[in-house]
Amino acid sequence: MEKLQLSLKLLFLVVSLLCHDGKASISSIGGLKMEELLQEKPSQNFTSTKFGSDTSFSLSSAYLCSQSGRKENDKIQRLPGQPDGVDFNQYSGYVTVDPNSGRALFYYFVESPRNSSSNPLVLWLNGGPGCSSLGAGALTELGPFRVEKGGKTLYRNQYAWNAEANIIFLESPAGVGFSYTNTTSDYDFTGDERTAVDTYTFLVNWLERFPEYKTRDFFIAGESYAGHYVPQLAQVILHANTNTNHTKINLKGIAVGNGLIDYESYSRGWLDYYWTHALISDEIYIGHKSNCNFSSPAPPSDICRQYQDQVINATKDIYPYDIFAPLCNSTSSSTLISVFDPCSLDYAFDYLNNPAVQIALHVDAATFPYPWELCNLTMNGSWKDRRLPILPIITELMESGIPVWIYSGDTDGAVPVTSSRYAINKLGISVKTPWYPWYLQNEVGGYVVEYENLMFVTIRGSGHFVPSYQPARALALFSSFINQKLLPSK
């Protein structure tokens, strides 16, 4: 079977280079419109590449340097507005992934309050592409803190995932959040492959900085466009573990939430979801389905675009990431499925642009004069190599014994549960444990079906950002994932 793989040369040589963590000047990023994040278009270069093929991104040497003393320098003493009684260690800083171009990635790491010396290590990645795992993942989803209204103080997230694991939140690729490059032309090559290579390079250097985690069980999790990032990084690790002298990363599984893993399934599932949830008319649904070719990598026809515009116009006042939630600053007093504040990302924006917060996080504000942004929309629009589909990589991981979990909040309209189900059906894998409801606190938390080396889980009443909308159910899901156990039936 032909496999869609990241093009890397498997000659990974440890190169002794002078470490460099200088800061960069970063171009100002425009304001964020959340509804734009997942307007995926098929790649114009709809091709498969073989592992080891020659491209401008082929990696003949993975940068690795001594990290002695850097862990201590990265330790956070206290975050501004942090509540009292914090009982876990926090670290943040930069890891250089390319000293020649001055490219470095920013991370925020939280250890578990209990059993940190034995709990697994998890890398969390938000999608976009071009969105921050610090502002979204750490401060509005699964991190130990949430930001209070006003953006000045923090409060504890009682369902934080670091209760079960030690979590790295990585702003990737360079140009996202506080991550940077000193070479402007780097942005001309930003895409899936560069992101996977740089994230792998980050990991092997981070493990030198935190050597106690070298042999720890390691998991990768993420959501949305991380449906690309997570499997692609896992594939790089899988191959690098057998072809390099670097630390062997003890990869134990991957999880993708409401992820973009197959364009045709995404497009067909998105349209069906909108129609079955009474967001668009029969006429729009039939017209769109009849005139748009979901399988083609070519740009949509004019008539297809007209129907796409009709869908957008019909749903313009609906929050696509949770179709039952209010928009930020809505005056609606309707009863909500979730108590998540729709303005939480605004609070995170204000908090991370506080100079005192940036100093505490070890961001050098003097050389970072531009506002931190949740998403780099310029990067999103110029992404170079959207490798579609991802399903062949998922198949390779499964065949290599890497457990794959795919989960979906069932009120997400951006990458809906129907898209995930259609994509899984394409894999043609056999069912091991038939579909059943799982329970938390005597309520249905969602539904589960177990396939051979793949678990599919729905989260009832959750939008796109599952740890935000259903934090207790998300933590139950996460605990089952890292322990590789089925979610409980009644």
Protein backbone atom coordinates (compact mmCIF):
# COMPACT_ATOMS: atom_id res chain seq x y z
CA MET A 1 0.00 0.00 0.00
CA GLU A 2 1.27 3.44 -0.89
CA LYS A 3 1.95 5.54 2.19
CA LEU A 4 1.75 9.30 2.46
CA GLN A 5 4.93 10.18 4.26
CA LEU A 6 6.95 13.21 5.20
CA SER A 7 10.00 13.55 2.99
CA LEU A 8 13.03 13.22 5.21
CA LYS A 9 16.40 11.67 4.64
CA LEU A 10 17.03 9.05 7.26
CA LEU A 11 20.59 10.10 7.77
CA PHE A 12 20.07 11.84 11.12
CA LEU A 13 23.51 12.88 12.30
CA VAL A 14 24.08 14.46 15.67
CA VAL A 15 25.70 17.78 14.87
CA SER A 16 27.74 19.61 17.45
CA LEU A 17 26.77 23.25 17.02
CA LEU A 18 26.85 26.30 19.21
CA CYS A 19 23.49 26.68 20.96
CA HIS A 20 21.60 29.86 20.22
CA ASP A 21 18.43 31.22 21.80
CA GLY A 22 18.41 34.80 20.52
CA LYS A 23 15.08 36.53 20.02
CA ALA A 24 13.68 37.72 16.72
CA SER A 25 11.74 40.53 15.23
CA ILE A 26 8.33 39.21 14.21
CA SER A 27 5.94 40.74 11.74
CA SER A 28 2.71 42.03 13.17
CA ILE A 29 -0.18 39.60 12.89
CA GLY A 30 -3.72 40.66 12.08
CA GLY A 31 -6.77 40.15 14.29
CA LEU A 32 -8.31 36.73 14.65
CA LYS A 33 -11.62 35.62 13.23
CA MET A 34 -12.28 32.18 14.68
CA GLU A 35 -14.62 31.21 11.87
CA GLU A 36 -11.70 31.44 9.41
CA LEU A 37 -9.46 28.90 11.11
CA LEU A 38 -10.84 25.81 9.42
CA GLN A 39 -11.68 27.05 5.95
CA GLU A 40 -9.54 24.26 4.52
CA LYS A 41 -9.01 24.00 0.79
CA PRO A 42 -7.53 20.95 -0.92
CA SER A 43 -3.84 21.15 -1.70
CA GLN A 44 -2.86 22.17 -5.21
CA ASN A 45 0.01 19.68 -4.80
CA PHE A 46 -2.11 16.65 -4.03
CA THR A 47 0.79 14.21 -3.99
CA SER A 48 2.24 11.45 -1.90
CA THR A 49 5.92 11.54 -1.00
CA LYS A 50 8.16 8.72 0.05
CA PHE A 51 10.10 8.83 3.28
CA GLY A 52 13.62 9.76 2.29
CA SER A 53 12.87 11.55 -0.99
CA ASP A 54 14.90 14.59 -1.93
CA THR A 55 13.19 17.94 -1.38
CA SER A 56 14.30 21.31 -0.10
CA PHE A 57 13.20 20.15 3.35
CA SER A 58 15.11 16.88 3.45
CA LEU A 59 16.78 16.54 6.82
CA SER A 60 20.35 15.29 6.61
CA SER A 61 21.16 16.24 10.20
CA ALA A 62 18.98 16.86 13.22
CA TYR A 63 20.24 19.74 15.31
CA LEU A 64 21.17 18.72 18.85
CA CYS A 65 23.13 20.61 21.45
CA SER A 66 23.89 20.59 25.16
CA GLN A 67 21.03 21.85 27.33
CA SER A 68 23.00 21.98 30.56
CA GLY A 69 21.61 24.54 33.03
CA ARG A 70 18.72 25.56 30.83
CA LYS A 71 16.05 23.70 32.79
CA GLU A 72 16.80 25.74 35.90
CA ASN A 73 16.67 28.96 33.90
CA ASP A 74 13.27 28.03 32.48
CA LYS A 75 11.59 27.43 35.82
CA ILE A 76 8.68 29.81 36.45
CA GLN A 77 8.75 31.27 39.94
CA ARG A 78 5.20 32.60 39.85
CA LEU A 79 2.81 33.81 37.17
CA PRO A 80 1.14 37.19 37.66
CA GLY A 81 -2.36 36.74 39.07
CA GLN A 82 -1.64 33.11 39.92
CA PRO A 83 -3.78 31.74 42.78
CA ASP A 84 -2.15 30.65 46.03
CA GLY A 85 -1.42 27.02 46.76
CA VAL A 86 0.04 25.99 43.39
CA ASP A 87 1.54 22.56 44.03
CA PHE A 88 3.30 21.74 40.76
CA ASN A 89 6.35 22.93 38.85
CA GLN A 90 6.03 25.15 35.77
CA TYR A 91 8.62 25.88 33.12
CA SER A 92 8.69 27.93 29.93
CA GLY A 93 11.22 29.15 27.43
CA TYR A 94 12.76 28.58 24.03
CA VAL A 95 14.34 25.57 22.37
CA THR A 96 16.39 26.26 19.25
CA VAL A 97 15.57 24.00 16.32
CA ASP A 98 17.79 25.65 13.68
CA PRO A 99 20.71 27.82 14.85
CA ASN A 100 21.66 28.87 11.31
CA SER A 101 18.35 30.62 10.69
CA GLY A 102 17.80 31.47 14.36
CA ARG A 103 14.58 29.46 14.58
CA ALA A 104 13.31 28.66 18.07
CA LEU A 105 10.07 27.28 19.47
CA PHE A 106 8.42 28.44 22.68
CA TYR A 107 7.02 25.96 25.18
CA TYR A 108 5.10 25.96 28.46
CA PHE A 109 5.48 22.84 30.59
CA VAL A 110 3.53 21.82 33.68
CA GLU A 111 4.32 18.82 35.81
CA SER A 112 1.76 16.80 37.73
CA PRO A 113 1.02 17.84 41.32
CA ARG A 114 1.35 14.19 42.31
CA ASN A 115 3.38 11.34 40.83
CA SER A 116 5.22 13.60 38.39
CA SER A 117 8.22 11.28 38.54
CA SER A 118 6.20 8.38 37.14
CA ASN A 119 3.32 9.95 35.19
CA PRO A 120 3.66 9.96 31.39
CA LEU A 121 4.78 12.89 29.27
CA VAL A 122 2.27 14.40 26.83
CA LEU A 123 2.80 16.93 24.04
CA TRP A 124 -0.30 19.01 23.27
CA LEU A 125 -0.69 20.73 19.89
CA ASN A 126 -3.40 23.12 18.76
CA GLY A 127 -4.09 23.47 15.05
CA GLY A 128 -5.05 26.32 12.74
CA PRO A 129 -2.64 25.88 11.09
CA GLY A 130 -0.86 28.70 12.85
CA CYS A 131 -2.60 28.79 16.25
CA SER A 132 -1.13 28.80 19.74
CA SER A 133 -1.17 25.85 22.12
CA LEU A 134 -0.38 28.27 24.96
CA GLY A 135 -3.26 30.70 24.54
CA ALA A 136 -5.82 28.09 23.49
CA GLY A 137 -4.77 24.73 24.91
CA ALA A 138 -3.09 25.84 28.13
CA LEU A 139 -5.23 28.83 29.14
CA THR A 140 -8.71 27.97 27.85
CA GLU A 141 -8.79 24.17 27.58
CA LEU A 142 -6.75 21.58 29.48
CA GLY A 143 -4.08 23.57 31.30
CA PRO A 144 -3.91 24.06 35.08
CA PHE A 145 -5.22 27.65 34.91
CA ARG A 146 -8.02 29.60 33.27
CA VAL A 147 -7.98 33.39 32.87
CA GLU A 148 -10.54 35.48 34.72
CA LYS A 149 -12.60 38.07 32.88
CA GLY A 150 -10.47 41.18 32.52
CA GLY A 151 -7.35 39.20 31.66
CA LYS A 152 -5.39 39.97 34.85
CA THR A 153 -5.83 36.99 37.17
CA LEU A 154 -5.86 33.21 36.94
CA TYR A 155 -7.94 30.54 38.63
CA ARG A 156 -7.39 26.80 38.91
CA ASN A 157 -8.91 24.46 36.37
CA GLN A 158 -10.21 21.58 38.47
CA TYR A 159 -10.19 19.32 35.42
CA ALA A 160 -6.64 20.08 34.28
CA TRP A 161 -4.98 17.24 32.45
CA ASN A 162 -1.73 17.59 34.42
CA ALA A 163 -3.58 15.72 37.18
CA GLU A 164 -2.84 12.63 35.08
CA ALA A 165 0.30 13.52 33.11
CA ASN A 166 3.12 16.00 32.65
CA ILE A 167 2.09 18.28 29.76
CA ILE A 168 4.12 20.27 27.21
CA PHE A 169 2.23 23.01 25.34
CA LEU A 170 4.22 23.93 22.23
CA GLU A 171 3.75 27.03 20.05
CA SER A 172 4.59 25.62 16.65
CA PRO A 173 5.71 26.33 13.97
CA ALA A 174 7.99 29.37 14.20
CA GLY A 175 5.85 32.49 13.84
CA VAL A 176 3.09 31.18 16.12
CA GLY A 177 2.71 32.94 19.46
CA PHE A 178 6.12 33.62 21.01
CA SER A 179 7.97 31.23 18.68
CA TYR A 180 10.14 32.95 16.11
CA THR A 181 12.81 32.88 13.43
CA ASN A 182 15.53 35.42 12.70
CA THR A 183 15.28 34.59 8.98
CA THR A 184 12.24 36.06 7.28
CA SER A 185 12.52 33.68 4.32
CA ASP A 186 11.77 30.78 6.69
CA TYR A 187 8.13 31.76 6.46
CA ASP A 188 8.20 30.99 2.74
CA PHE A 189 8.58 27.30 3.62
CA THR A 190 6.21 26.94 6.54
CA GLY A 191 3.98 23.92 6.20
CA ASP A 192 3.27 20.41 7.43
CA GLU A 193 6.74 19.02 6.76
CA ARG A 194 8.71 21.88 8.30
CA THR A 195 6.40 21.74 11.32
CA ALA A 196 6.93 18.00 11.85
CA VAL A 197 10.72 18.23 11.46
CA ASP A 198 11.03 21.23 13.79
CA THR A 199 8.77 19.66 16.41
CA TYR A 200 10.84 16.48 16.40
CA THR A 201 14.01 18.56 16.73
CA PHE A 202 12.38 20.44 19.60
CA LEU A 203 11.57 17.17 21.36
CA VAL A 204 15.04 15.61 21.19
CA ASN A 205 16.58 18.84 22.51
CA TRP A 206 13.88 19.29 25.17
CA LEU A 207 14.61 15.76 26.40
CA GLU A 208 18.27 16.77 26.79
CA ARG A 209 17.08 19.71 28.88
CA PHE A 210 14.78 17.45 30.93
CA PRO A 211 16.68 14.13 30.83
CA GLU A 212 14.53 12.54 33.54
CA TYR A 213 11.79 12.24 30.89
CA LYS A 214 13.88 10.40 28.28
CA THR A 215 12.49 6.97 29.11
CA ARG A 216 9.02 8.10 30.12
CA ASP A 217 5.92 6.92 28.24
CA PHE A 218 5.18 9.61 25.66
CA PHE A 219 1.86 10.55 24.05
CA ILE A 220 0.92 13.18 21.48
CA ALA A 221 -2.50 14.83 21.53
CA GLY A 222 -4.09 17.73 19.72
CA GLU A 223 -7.15 19.02 17.95
CA SER A 224 -8.36 20.53 14.69
CA TYR A 225 -5.51 20.94 12.16
CA ALA A 226 -3.41 18.96 14.61
CA GLY A 227 -5.13 16.12 12.80
CA HIS A 228 -2.13 16.72 10.52
CA TYR A 229 0.49 17.65 13.13
CA VAL A 230 -0.06 14.72 15.49
CA PRO A 231 0.08 11.77 13.03
CA GLN A 232 2.90 13.37 11.03
CA LEU A 233 5.04 13.91 14.12
CA ALA A 234 4.30 10.36 15.28
CA GLN A 235 5.46 9.09 11.89
CA VAL A 236 8.72 11.05 12.12
CA ILE A 237 9.33 9.63 15.61
CA LEU A 238 8.52 6.12 14.45
CA HIS A 239 11.12 6.30 11.68
CA ALA A 240 13.70 8.30 13.62
CA ASN A 241 13.62 5.78 16.47
CA THR A 242 14.99 3.11 14.14
CA ASN A 243 17.32 5.28 12.04
CA THR A 244 19.08 7.73 14.35
CA ASN A 245 21.46 7.87 17.28
CA HIS A 246 19.14 10.26 19.07
CA THR A 247 17.16 9.45 22.17
CA LYS A 248 14.52 6.89 21.32
CA ILE A 249 11.20 8.54 22.12
CA ASN A 250 8.94 6.07 23.91
CA LEU A 251 5.83 6.80 21.85
CA LYS A 252 2.80 5.02 23.31
CA GLY A 253 -0.14 6.55 21.46
CA ILE A 254 -1.72 9.53 19.75
CA ALA A 255 -5.09 11.27 20.16
CA VAL A 256 -6.77 13.70 17.76
CA GLY A 257 -9.86 15.70 18.67
CA ASN A 258 -12.27 17.00 16.01
CA GLY A 259 -9.35 16.70 13.64
CA LEU A 260 -8.94 17.40 9.96
CA ILE A 261 -7.61 14.06 8.74
CA ASP A 262 -9.25 13.68 5.32
CA TYR A 263 -10.48 16.51 3.13
CA GLU A 264 -13.21 14.65 1.28
CA SER A 265 -14.62 13.22 4.53
CA TYR A 266 -14.39 16.64 6.17
CA SER A 267 -16.29 18.39 3.36
CA ARG A 268 -18.99 15.76 3.03
CA GLY A 269 -19.40 15.42 6.79
CA TRP A 270 -19.55 19.17 7.34
CA LEU A 271 -22.35 19.59 4.81
CA ASP A 272 -24.34 16.61 6.13
CA TYR A 273 -23.95 17.85 9.71
CA TYR A 274 -25.27 21.32 8.87
CA TRP A 275 -28.26 19.88 7.04
CA THR A 276 -29.16 17.24 9.64
CA HIS A 277 -28.93 19.89 12.37
CA ALA A 278 -31.34 22.18 10.50
CA LEU A 279 -28.80 24.94 9.85
CA ILE A 280 -29.29 24.99 6.08
CA SER A 281 -32.26 24.42 3.79
CA ASP A 282 -32.92 21.40 1.60
CA GLU A 283 -32.30 23.58 -1.46
CA ILE A 284 -28.85 24.68 -0.28
CA TYR A 285 -27.94 21.14 0.74
CA ILE A 286 -28.97 19.56 -2.56
CA GLY A 287 -27.41 22.37 -4.61
CA HIS A 288 -24.13 22.17 -2.73
CA LYS A 289 -23.97 18.39 -2.91
CA SER A 290 -24.81 18.36 -6.62
CA ASN A 291 -22.35 21.05 -7.69
CA CYS A 292 -19.30 20.61 -5.44
CA ASN A 293 -16.75 17.85 -5.99
CA PHE A 294 -15.51 16.96 -2.53
CA SER A 295 -12.85 14.60 -3.87
CA SER A 296 -11.14 16.95 -6.31
CA PRO A 297 -7.97 18.89 -5.41
CA ALA A 298 -8.98 21.55 -7.95
CA PRO A 299 -10.46 24.87 -6.80
CA PRO A 300 -14.27 24.82 -6.54
CA SER A 301 -16.32 25.86 -9.55
CA ASP A 302 -18.20 29.16 -9.63
CA ILE A 303 -21.53 27.47 -9.00
CA CYS A 304 -20.03 25.52 -6.09
CA ARG A 305 -18.73 28.78 -4.60
CA GLN A 306 -22.20 30.26 -4.85
CA TYR A 307 -23.61 27.43 -2.75
CA GLN A 308 -20.71 27.70 -0.31
CA ASP A 309 -21.54 31.38 0.10
CA GLN A 310 -25.16 30.47 0.76
CA VAL A 311 -24.09 28.10 3.54
CA ILE A 312 -21.88 30.78 5.08
CA ASN A 313 -24.64 33.38 4.87
CA ALA A 314 -27.22 31.02 6.39
CA THR A 315 -24.98 30.26 9.36
CA LYS A 316 -23.15 33.57 9.79
CA ASP A 317 -24.66 34.20 13.23
CA ILE A 318 -23.98 30.67 14.48
CA TYR A 319 -20.73 29.94 16.33
CA PRO A 320 -19.28 27.12 14.22
CA TYR A 321 -17.17 25.65 17.02
CA ASP A 322 -20.28 24.95 19.09
CA ILE A 323 -23.52 25.39 17.17
CA PHE A 324 -25.57 25.70 20.38
CA ALA A 325 -23.31 28.24 22.12
CA PRO A 326 -23.64 32.04 22.06
CA LEU A 327 -21.13 34.26 20.32
CA CYS A 328 -18.73 36.29 22.42
CA ASN A 329 -20.45 39.46 23.70
CA SER A 330 -23.86 38.01 22.87
CA THR A 331 -26.68 39.39 25.01
CA SER A 332 -28.57 36.10 24.81
CA SER A 333 -29.85 34.66 28.07
CA SER A 334 -30.64 31.25 26.59
CA THR A 335 -29.83 28.13 28.53
CA LEU A 336 -26.46 26.74 27.49
CA ILE A 337 -25.35 23.15 27.10
CA SER A 338 -21.92 24.25 28.35
CA VAL A 339 -20.94 26.91 30.90
CA PHE A 340 -17.78 27.79 28.97
CA ASP A 341 -17.39 31.56 28.57
CA PRO A 342 -17.29 32.28 24.80
CA CYS A 343 -15.00 35.26 25.45
CA SER A 344 -12.30 33.17 27.16
CA LEU A 345 -9.87 33.54 24.25
CA ASP A 346 -10.12 37.31 24.60
CA TYR A 347 -9.11 37.04 28.26
CA ALA A 348 -6.13 34.86 27.31
CA PHE A 349 -5.11 37.44 24.71
CA ASP A 350 -5.13 40.23 27.31
CA TYR A 351 -3.23 38.12 29.83
CA LEU A 352 -0.44 37.06 27.47
CA ASN A 353 0.06 40.64 26.30
CA ASN A 354 0.73 41.78 29.86
CA PRO A 355 4.48 42.66 30.00
CA ALA A 356 4.75 41.22 33.52
CA VAL A 357 3.35 37.91 32.29
CA GLN A 358 5.80 37.81 29.41
CA ILE A 359 8.71 38.42 31.77
CA ALA A 360 7.51 35.62 34.07
CA LEU A 361 7.29 33.31 31.03
CA HIS A 362 10.86 34.27 30.02
CA VAL A 363 9.77 36.15 26.91
CA ASP A 364 12.13 39.06 26.27
CA ALA A 365 9.66 41.89 25.71
CA ALA A 366 12.43 44.24 24.56
CA THR A 367 13.00 42.10 21.47
CA PHE A 368 9.36 41.07 21.09
CA PRO A 369 7.65 44.44 20.47
CA TYR A 370 4.54 43.08 18.75
CA PRO A 371 1.38 41.81 20.41
CA TRP A 372 1.08 38.11 21.06
CA GLU A 373 -1.69 36.72 18.82
CA LEU A 374 -3.76 33.57 19.17
CA CYS A 375 -3.40 32.69 15.48
CA ASN A 376 -1.10 33.83 12.70
CA LEU A 377 -3.61 34.28 9.89
CA THR A 378 -0.91 35.24 7.39
CA MET A 379 0.75 31.90 8.00
CA ASN A 380 -2.61 30.13 7.78
CA GLY A 381 -3.27 31.62 4.36
CA SER A 382 0.18 30.85 2.94
CA TRP A 383 0.65 27.31 4.28
CA LYS A 384 2.85 25.51 1.78
CA ASP A 385 2.16 21.81 1.88
CA ARG A 386 -1.19 20.69 3.18
CA ARG A 387 -0.58 16.96 2.85
CA LEU A 388 -3.94 15.36 2.24
CA PRO A 389 -5.09 12.80 3.15
CA ILE A 390 -3.57 11.82 6.49
CA LEU A 391 -5.28 8.42 6.57
CA PRO A 392 -2.31 6.52 5.08
CA ILE A 393 -0.12 7.81 7.92
CA ILE A 394 -2.72 6.74 10.48
CA THR A 395 -2.78 3.31 8.86
CA GLU A 396 1.00 3.05 9.09
CA LEU A 397 0.94 3.99 12.77
CA MET A 398 -1.75 1.43 13.52
CA GLU A 399 0.13 -1.28 11.64
CA SER A 400 3.24 -0.38 13.66
CA GLY A 401 1.37 -0.95 16.92
CA ILE A 402 0.83 2.71 17.86
CA PRO A 403 -2.66 3.12 19.39
CA VAL A 404 -4.71 5.86 17.70
CA TRP A 405 -7.61 7.62 19.43
CA ILE A 406 -9.95 9.90 17.50
CA TYR A 407 -12.53 11.84 19.49
CA SER A 408 -15.24 14.30 18.53
CA GLY A 409 -17.39 16.76 20.40
CA ASP A 410 -20.85 16.24 18.95
CA THR A 411 -21.92 19.93 18.78
CA ASP A 412 -18.90 21.06 16.76
CA GLY A 413 -19.82 22.42 13.33
CA ALA A 414 -16.24 23.24 12.27
CA VAL A 415 -14.88 19.69 11.98
CA PRO A 416 -18.00 17.75 12.96
CA VAL A 417 -18.43 14.24 14.26
CA THR A 418 -19.81 13.14 10.88
CA SER A 419 -16.49 14.04 9.25
CA SER A 420 -14.59 11.91 11.75
CA ARG A 421 -16.91 8.94 11.20
CA TYR A 422 -16.67 9.17 7.42
CA ALA A 423 -12.87 9.30 7.61
CA ILE A 424 -12.66 6.28 9.92
CA ASN A 425 -14.96 4.31 7.63
CA LYS A 426 -12.43 4.82 4.82
CA LEU A 427 -9.84 2.90 6.82
CA GLY A 428 -11.82 -0.29 6.36
CA ILE A 429 -10.84 -1.68 9.77
CA SER A 430 -12.79 -4.27 11.74
CA VAL A 431 -14.75 -3.51 14.89
CA LYS A 432 -13.38 -5.01 18.08
CA THR A 433 -15.90 -3.58 20.59
CA PRO A 434 -19.23 -2.42 19.11
CA TRP A 435 -20.65 1.05 19.62
CA TYR A 436 -21.85 1.66 23.20
CA PRO A 437 -22.63 4.62 25.48
CA TRP A 438 -19.97 5.54 28.04
CA TYR A 439 -20.85 7.08 31.38
CA LEU A 440 -19.55 9.65 33.82
CA GLN A 441 -21.36 10.52 37.04
CA ASN A 442 -24.34 8.39 36.01
CA GLU A 443 -24.83 10.31 32.77
CA VAL A 444 -24.03 9.41 29.20
CA GLY A 445 -20.72 11.08 28.43
CA GLY A 446 -20.78 10.07 24.79
CA TYR A 447 -20.31 6.95 22.71
CA VAL A 448 -17.42 4.62 21.94
CA VAL A 449 -16.52 2.12 19.26
CA GLU A 450 -13.25 0.23 19.41
CA TYR A 451 -11.55 -0.92 16.21
CA GLU A 452 -8.31 -2.83 15.83
CA ASN A 453 -5.75 -0.39 17.26
CA LEU A 454 -8.09 2.60 16.89
CA MET A 455 -10.59 4.03 19.35
CA PHE A 456 -13.35 6.43 18.32
CA VAL A 457 -15.04 8.40 21.10
CA THR A 458 -17.75 11.04 21.01
CA ILE A 459 -18.20 13.61 23.78
CA ARG A 460 -21.82 14.50 24.34
CA GLY A 461 -22.64 18.20 24.50
CA SER A 462 -19.19 19.36 23.48
CA GLY A 463 -18.07 21.70 20.75
CA HIS A 464 -14.74 21.82 18.94
CA PHE A 465 -12.64 22.53 22.05
CA VAL A 466 -13.62 19.49 24.09
CA PRO A 467 -11.68 20.30 27.30
CA SER A 468 -13.34 23.74 27.33
CA TYR A 469 -16.94 22.70 26.75
CA GLN A 470 -17.02 19.44 28.71
CA PRO A 471 -13.99 19.49 31.02
CA ALA A 472 -15.01 16.58 33.27
CA ARG A 473 -15.79 14.33 30.31
CA ALA A 474 -12.60 15.44 28.57
CA LEU A 475 -10.51 14.47 31.61
CA ALA A 476 -12.21 11.07 31.76
CA LEU A 477 -11.42 10.59 28.07
CA PHE A 478 -7.79 11.64 28.59
CA SER A 479 -7.33 9.30 31.55
CA SER A 480 -8.66 6.38 29.51
CA PHE A 481 -6.40 7.33 26.60
CA ILE A 482 -3.11 7.42 28.51
CA ASN A 483 -4.04 4.23 30.35
CA GLN A 484 -5.27 2.62 27.10
CA LYS A 485 -8.52 1.50 28.68
CA LEU A 486 -12.06 1.56 27.39
CA LEU A 487 -14.27 4.28 28.79
CA PRO A 488 -16.72 2.88 31.34
CA SER A 489 -20.11 1.55 30.36
CA LYS A 490 -22.93 1.90 32.88
